Protein backbone atom coordinates (compact mmCIF):
# COMPACT_ATOMS: atom_id res chain seq x y z
CA UNK A 1 0.01 -0.05 0.01
CA UNK A 2 2.55 2.48 -1.08
CA UNK A 3 4.02 4.22 -4.11
CA UNK A 4 1.07 6.45 -4.88
CA UNK A 5 0.49 9.90 -3.54
CA UNK A 6 -2.73 10.60 -1.56
CA UNK A 7 -5.57 11.98 -3.52
CA UNK A 8 -6.71 15.63 -2.87
CA UNK A 9 -9.31 15.81 -0.17
CA UNK A 10 -12.67 17.33 -0.51
CA UNK A 11 -14.65 19.17 2.30
CA UNK A 12 -18.07 18.03 1.22
CA UNK A 13 -19.70 15.71 1.06
CA UNK A 14 -18.61 13.72 4.04
CA UNK A 15 -17.51 10.22 3.05
CA UNK A 16 -18.03 7.39 5.58
CA UNK A 17 -17.01 3.78 4.97
CA UNK A 18 -19.02 1.02 6.66
CA UNK A 19 -16.45 -1.60 7.15
CA UNK A 20 -15.68 -4.75 9.01
CA UNK A 21 -13.95 -7.65 7.33
CA UNK A 22 -15.95 -10.21 9.31
CA UNK A 23 -19.22 -11.25 7.57
CA UNK A 24 -22.57 -11.45 9.12
CA UNK A 25 -22.13 -8.44 11.51
CA UNK A 26 -24.91 -6.24 10.02
CA UNK A 27 -22.54 -4.16 7.85
CA UNK A 28 -24.91 -3.97 4.83
CA UNK A 29 -27.98 -3.73 6.93
CA UNK A 30 -26.33 -0.75 8.72
CA UNK A 31 -25.31 0.90 5.45
CA UNK A 32 -28.79 0.66 3.99
CA UNK A 33 -30.71 1.71 7.08
CA UNK A 34 -28.32 4.52 8.14
CA UNK A 35 -28.43 5.89 4.60
CA UNK A 36 -32.29 5.77 4.62
CA UNK A 37 -32.47 7.41 8.16
CA UNK A 38 -30.08 10.16 7.00
CA UNK A 39 -32.22 10.85 3.91
CA UNK A 40 -35.36 10.82 6.06
CA UNK A 41 -34.07 13.78 8.07
CA UNK A 42 -33.32 15.77 4.94
CA UNK A 43 -29.78 14.82 4.03
CA UNK A 44 -29.00 14.02 0.45
CA UNK A 45 -27.10 10.71 0.57
CA UNK A 46 -25.22 8.56 -1.92
CA UNK A 47 -24.78 4.91 -1.01
CA UNK A 48 -21.91 3.22 -2.89
CA UNK A 49 -22.26 -0.49 -3.03
CA UNK A 50 -18.63 -1.87 -3.12
CA UNK A 51 -19.39 -5.48 -2.15
CA UNK A 52 -19.43 -7.89 -5.10
CA UNK A 53 -22.49 -9.68 -3.45
CA UNK A 54 -24.43 -6.45 -4.22
CA UNK A 55 -26.60 -6.88 -1.15
CA UNK A 56 -26.96 -3.17 -0.62
CA UNK A 57 -28.28 -2.74 -4.16
CA UNK A 58 -30.77 -5.69 -3.59
CA UNK A 59 -31.81 -4.35 -0.20
CA UNK A 60 -32.86 -1.08 -1.95
CA UNK A 61 -34.97 -2.88 -4.49
CA UNK A 62 -32.47 -2.68 -7.37
CA UNK A 63 -32.52 -6.14 -9.06
CA UNK A 64 -29.34 -7.51 -10.81
CA UNK A 65 -31.10 -7.07 -14.16
CA UNK A 66 -31.90 -3.40 -13.44
CA UNK A 67 -28.27 -2.51 -12.73
CA UNK A 68 -26.74 -0.78 -15.70
CA UNK A 69 -23.32 0.81 -14.97
CA UNK A 70 -22.07 -0.53 -11.68
CA UNK A 71 -19.07 0.21 -9.32
CA UNK A 72 -17.03 -2.23 -11.36
CA UNK A 73 -17.09 -0.07 -14.41
CA UNK A 74 -16.30 2.94 -12.23
CA UNK A 75 -13.14 1.42 -10.66
CA UNK A 76 -12.05 0.06 -14.06
CA UNK A 77 -12.15 3.63 -15.35
CA UNK A 78 -14.71 2.73 -18.17
CA UNK A 79 -17.38 5.15 -16.67
CA UNK A 80 -17.62 8.08 -14.30
CA UNK A 81 -19.28 7.52 -11.00
CA UNK A 82 -22.16 9.88 -12.29
CA UNK A 83 -23.12 7.20 -14.79
CA UNK A 84 -23.58 4.53 -12.13
CA UNK A 85 -25.62 6.64 -9.80
CA UNK A 86 -29.34 5.87 -9.79
CA UNK A 87 -32.26 6.98 -7.70
CA UNK A 88 -33.84 4.70 -5.11
CA UNK A 89 -37.46 4.70 -4.01
CA UNK A 90 -36.39 6.81 -0.98
CA UNK A 91 -36.43 10.53 -1.62
CA UNK A 92 -32.92 11.95 -1.20
CA UNK A 93 -31.19 8.50 -1.37
CA UNK A 94 -29.04 7.66 -4.41
CA UNK A 95 -27.26 4.42 -5.08
CA UNK A 96 -24.24 3.37 -7.08
CA UNK A 97 -24.98 -0.46 -7.50
CA UNK A 98 -22.53 -3.40 -7.50
CA UNK A 99 -22.58 -6.83 -9.19
CA UNK A 100 -20.53 -9.99 -9.15
CA UNK A 101 -18.16 -8.68 -11.77
CA UNK A 102 -16.75 -6.43 -9.05
CA UNK A 103 -14.89 -9.40 -7.68
CA UNK A 104 -12.58 -9.28 -10.85
CA UNK A 105 -11.52 -5.82 -10.00
CA UNK A 106 -9.06 -7.24 -7.37
CA UNK A 107 -6.97 -8.91 -10.09
CA UNK A 108 -7.56 -6.39 -12.86
CA UNK A 109 -6.40 -3.38 -10.79
CA UNK A 110 -3.29 -5.09 -9.22
CA UNK A 111 -0.90 -3.34 -11.66
CA UNK A 112 -3.13 -0.23 -12.37
CA UNK A 113 -2.05 3.32 -11.81
CA UNK A 114 -3.33 4.74 -8.59
CA UNK A 115 -5.09 1.42 -7.86
CA UNK A 116 -5.68 2.42 -4.27
CA UNK A 117 -7.39 5.66 -5.20
CA UNK A 118 -9.67 4.64 -8.04
CA UNK A 119 -12.72 5.26 -5.86
CA UNK A 120 -11.32 8.40 -4.27
CA UNK A 121 -10.68 9.83 -7.69
CA UNK A 122 -14.19 8.91 -8.86
CA UNK A 123 -15.80 10.51 -5.85
CA UNK A 124 -13.72 13.65 -6.19
CA UNK A 125 -14.82 14.03 -9.76
CA UNK A 126 -18.48 13.34 -8.84
CA UNK A 127 -18.55 15.78 -5.91
CA UNK A 128 -17.25 18.54 -8.29
CA UNK A 129 -19.81 17.85 -10.95
CA UNK A 130 -23.32 19.25 -11.18
CA UNK A 131 -24.70 15.68 -10.46
CA UNK A 132 -22.93 15.72 -7.11
CA UNK A 133 -24.20 18.98 -5.87
CA UNK A 134 -26.19 18.85 -2.67
CA UNK A 135 -24.94 15.39 -1.61
CA UNK A 136 -24.03 15.75 2.00
CA UNK A 137 -23.08 12.16 2.89
CA UNK A 138 -21.57 9.39 0.84
CA UNK A 139 -21.77 5.94 2.57
CA UNK A 140 -19.57 3.18 1.27
CA UNK A 141 -20.65 -0.48 1.95
CA UNK A 142 -17.41 -2.33 1.96
CA UNK A 143 -17.04 -6.10 1.23
CA UNK A 144 -16.45 -8.47 4.16
CA UNK A 145 -12.71 -8.81 3.52
CA UNK A 146 -9.58 -6.77 3.83
CA UNK A 147 -9.13 -6.49 0.11
CA UNK A 148 -8.14 -3.84 -2.50
CA UNK A 149 -11.81 -2.86 -2.67
CA UNK A 150 -11.78 -2.15 1.14
CA UNK A 151 -8.56 -0.21 0.75
CA UNK A 152 -10.15 1.84 -1.93
CA UNK A 153 -13.05 2.64 0.35
CA UNK A 154 -10.73 3.53 3.22
CA UNK A 155 -8.49 5.69 0.93
CA UNK A 156 -11.59 7.67 -0.10
CA UNK A 157 -13.22 8.05 3.26
CA UNK A 158 -13.04 10.68 5.78
CA UNK A 159 -14.11 8.33 8.62
CA UNK A 160 -15.08 4.72 9.23
CA UNK A 161 -18.20 3.28 10.96
CA UNK A 162 -17.59 -0.28 12.16
CA UNK A 163 -20.63 -2.53 12.83
CA UNK A 164 -19.73 -4.94 15.58
CA UNK A 165 -21.86 -8.00 16.32
CA UNK A 166 -22.22 -8.67 20.10
CA UNK A 167 -20.42 -12.06 20.19
CA UNK A 168 -16.99 -13.22 21.24
CA UNK A 169 -15.30 -13.66 17.87
CA UNK A 170 -16.30 -10.19 16.82
CA UNK A 171 -13.68 -8.73 19.17
CA UNK A 172 -11.00 -10.48 17.12
CA UNK A 173 -12.33 -8.97 13.88
CA UNK A 174 -12.47 -5.50 15.54
CA UNK A 175 -8.75 -5.64 16.30
CA UNK A 176 -8.03 -6.60 12.56
CA UNK A 177 -10.05 -3.85 11.06
CA UNK A 178 -8.46 -1.34 13.46
CA UNK A 179 -4.98 -2.47 12.30
CA UNK A 180 -6.11 -1.98 8.71
CA UNK A 181 -7.40 1.51 9.35
CA UNK A 182 -4.10 2.38 11.07
CA UNK A 183 -2.13 1.06 8.16
CA UNK A 184 -4.14 3.00 5.60
CA UNK A 185 -3.89 6.12 7.85
CA UNK A 186 -0.10 5.71 7.99
CA UNK A 187 0.57 4.89 4.38
CA UNK A 188 -2.30 6.31 2.26
CA UNK A 189 -4.91 8.53 3.93
CA UNK A 190 -3.63 10.35 7.03
CA UNK A 191 -6.95 12.08 7.49
CA UNK A 192 -8.87 8.91 8.11
CA UNK A 193 -10.76 8.71 11.36
CA UNK A 194 -12.84 6.34 13.32
CA UNK A 195 -16.29 7.92 13.46
CA UNK A 196 -17.56 5.15 15.70
CA UNK A 197 -18.34 1.54 16.52
CA UNK A 198 -21.98 0.45 16.40
CA UNK A 199 -23.03 -2.64 18.39
CA UNK A 200 -25.45 -4.78 16.30
CA UNK A 201 -27.66 -7.87 17.05
CA UNK A 202 -27.80 -6.73 20.57
CA UNK A 203 -29.77 -8.76 23.06
CA UNK A 204 -29.72 -7.36 26.64
CA UNK A 205 -31.08 -10.73 27.94
CA UNK A 206 -27.85 -12.41 26.83
CA UNK A 207 -24.91 -12.31 29.28
CA UNK A 208 -22.40 -12.46 26.45
CA UNK A 209 -23.93 -9.56 24.72
CA UNK A 210 -23.49 -7.51 27.84
CA UNK A 211 -19.95 -8.73 28.40
CA UNK A 212 -18.97 -7.79 24.78
CA UNK A 213 -20.59 -4.41 25.17
CA UNK A 214 -18.79 -3.75 28.42
CA UNK A 215 -15.38 -4.88 26.80
CA UNK A 216 -15.87 -2.65 23.76
CA UNK A 217 -16.96 0.46 25.68
CA UNK A 218 -14.14 -0.10 28.14
CA UNK A 219 -11.62 -0.08 25.31
CA UNK A 220 -12.96 2.41 22.87
CA UNK A 221 -14.87 4.75 25.21
CA UNK A 222 -16.99 7.40 23.55
CA UNK A 223 -16.11 6.04 20.17
CA UNK A 224 -18.88 3.44 20.77
CA UNK A 225 -22.29 4.94 19.83
CA UNK A 226 -24.85 5.12 22.59
CA UNK A 227 -27.33 3.60 20.19
CA UNK A 228 -27.32 -0.17 19.89
CA UNK A 229 -29.00 -2.10 17.16
CA UNK A 230 -31.29 -4.82 18.63
CA UNK A 231 -31.63 -8.26 17.34
CA UNK A 232 -34.85 -7.82 15.45
CA UNK A 233 -36.72 -10.20 13.00
CA UNK A 234 -38.19 -7.22 11.12
CA UNK A 235 -34.63 -6.06 10.17
CA UNK A 236 -33.99 -9.54 8.85
CA UNK A 237 -37.14 -9.73 6.82
CA UNK A 238 -36.82 -6.31 5.18
CA UNK A 239 -34.17 -7.21 2.47
CA UNK A 240 -36.23 -9.99 0.98
CA UNK A 241 -38.79 -7.31 0.30
CA UNK A 242 -36.30 -5.01 -1.30
CA UNK A 243 -36.79 -2.49 1.28
CA UNK A 244 -34.82 -0.94 4.17
CA UNK A 245 -36.28 -1.86 7.58
CA UNK A 246 -37.38 1.82 7.89
CA UNK A 247 -39.76 1.41 4.97
CA UNK A 248 -40.76 -2.20 5.84
CA UNK A 249 -41.66 -1.45 9.42
CA UNK A 250 -40.88 2.09 10.71
CA UNK A 251 -42.15 1.34 14.23
CA UNK A 252 -40.06 -1.80 14.85
CA UNK A 253 -37.27 -1.46 17.48
CA UNK A 254 -34.58 -1.95 14.74
CA UNK A 255 -35.82 0.93 12.59
CA UNK A 256 -36.12 3.22 15.59
CA UNK A 257 -32.57 2.35 16.55
CA UNK A 258 -31.20 3.30 13.12
CA UNK A 259 -33.07 6.64 13.29
CA UNK A 260 -31.23 7.19 16.61
CA UNK A 261 -27.89 6.17 15.13
CA UNK A 262 -28.30 8.62 12.26
CA UNK A 263 -28.96 11.28 14.87
CA UNK A 264 -25.69 10.40 16.64
CA UNK A 265 -23.78 10.35 13.41
CA UNK A 266 -24.98 13.92 12.51
CA UNK A 267 -24.17 15.07 15.98
CA UNK A 268 -20.65 13.70 15.75
CA UNK A 269 -20.12 15.36 12.39
CA UNK A 270 -21.39 18.73 13.63
CA UNK A 271 -19.05 18.36 16.75
CA UNK A 272 -16.00 17.98 14.50
CA UNK A 273 -13.49 20.83 14.42
CA UNK A 274 -14.18 22.61 11.19
CA UNK A 275 -11.37 23.22 8.71
CA UNK A 276 -10.26 26.78 8.37
């Protein structure tokens, strides 16, 4: 992860990578529902699907057949990000979809110029274009691996949100993603920050859940969001209907938690020291 200079930074929109190399932690669910909740309070949001599984795209109701230009063509340089961006059914929420061909980007970009900054360059161009005007947040749904795709996301991002499942092995995964963030910060993107850790699949009746929460809060302090995402069947059902949980069942505990999380994310962003 060296040999290329860092990309120029942009002040707006704020770019947040949703990352954890461990699968099954609620990463894509968090990306979809946080993006929806931010849009619901009036933010204009672009969700970039950078996972070859394309679950964020499916979860917003964009079928594989309906995906034209995808993030694969953007990273390969065949199209600008603007060409991939499509409107979702949620006012204020845009999507750059992904497909299985994105898995091939790992090999195809291995010797490419600025291979770590393909996404950063594409976002930079998009944010400066007419199409990108008014977008206040860009969320990137990363793949469940520490790959070149994840490095592209972390190179482009201002900050990282880490979803963490409340189970023992999740703590191991947390230390791995933190090492990756530190490596990217040291070698590629010195401005990269940890926005926060969000505890997912939380069940207060479970002693292990409470132990994991205590351990994570003890280590990361106020970097852990006050909001926890409960284990909730309505959240699990929503993707099969092509809807975020907030549209599928707004009143369920999971949806309400993501609304609270969006409020915390905005509060943390507003509390940041502003650039001169």
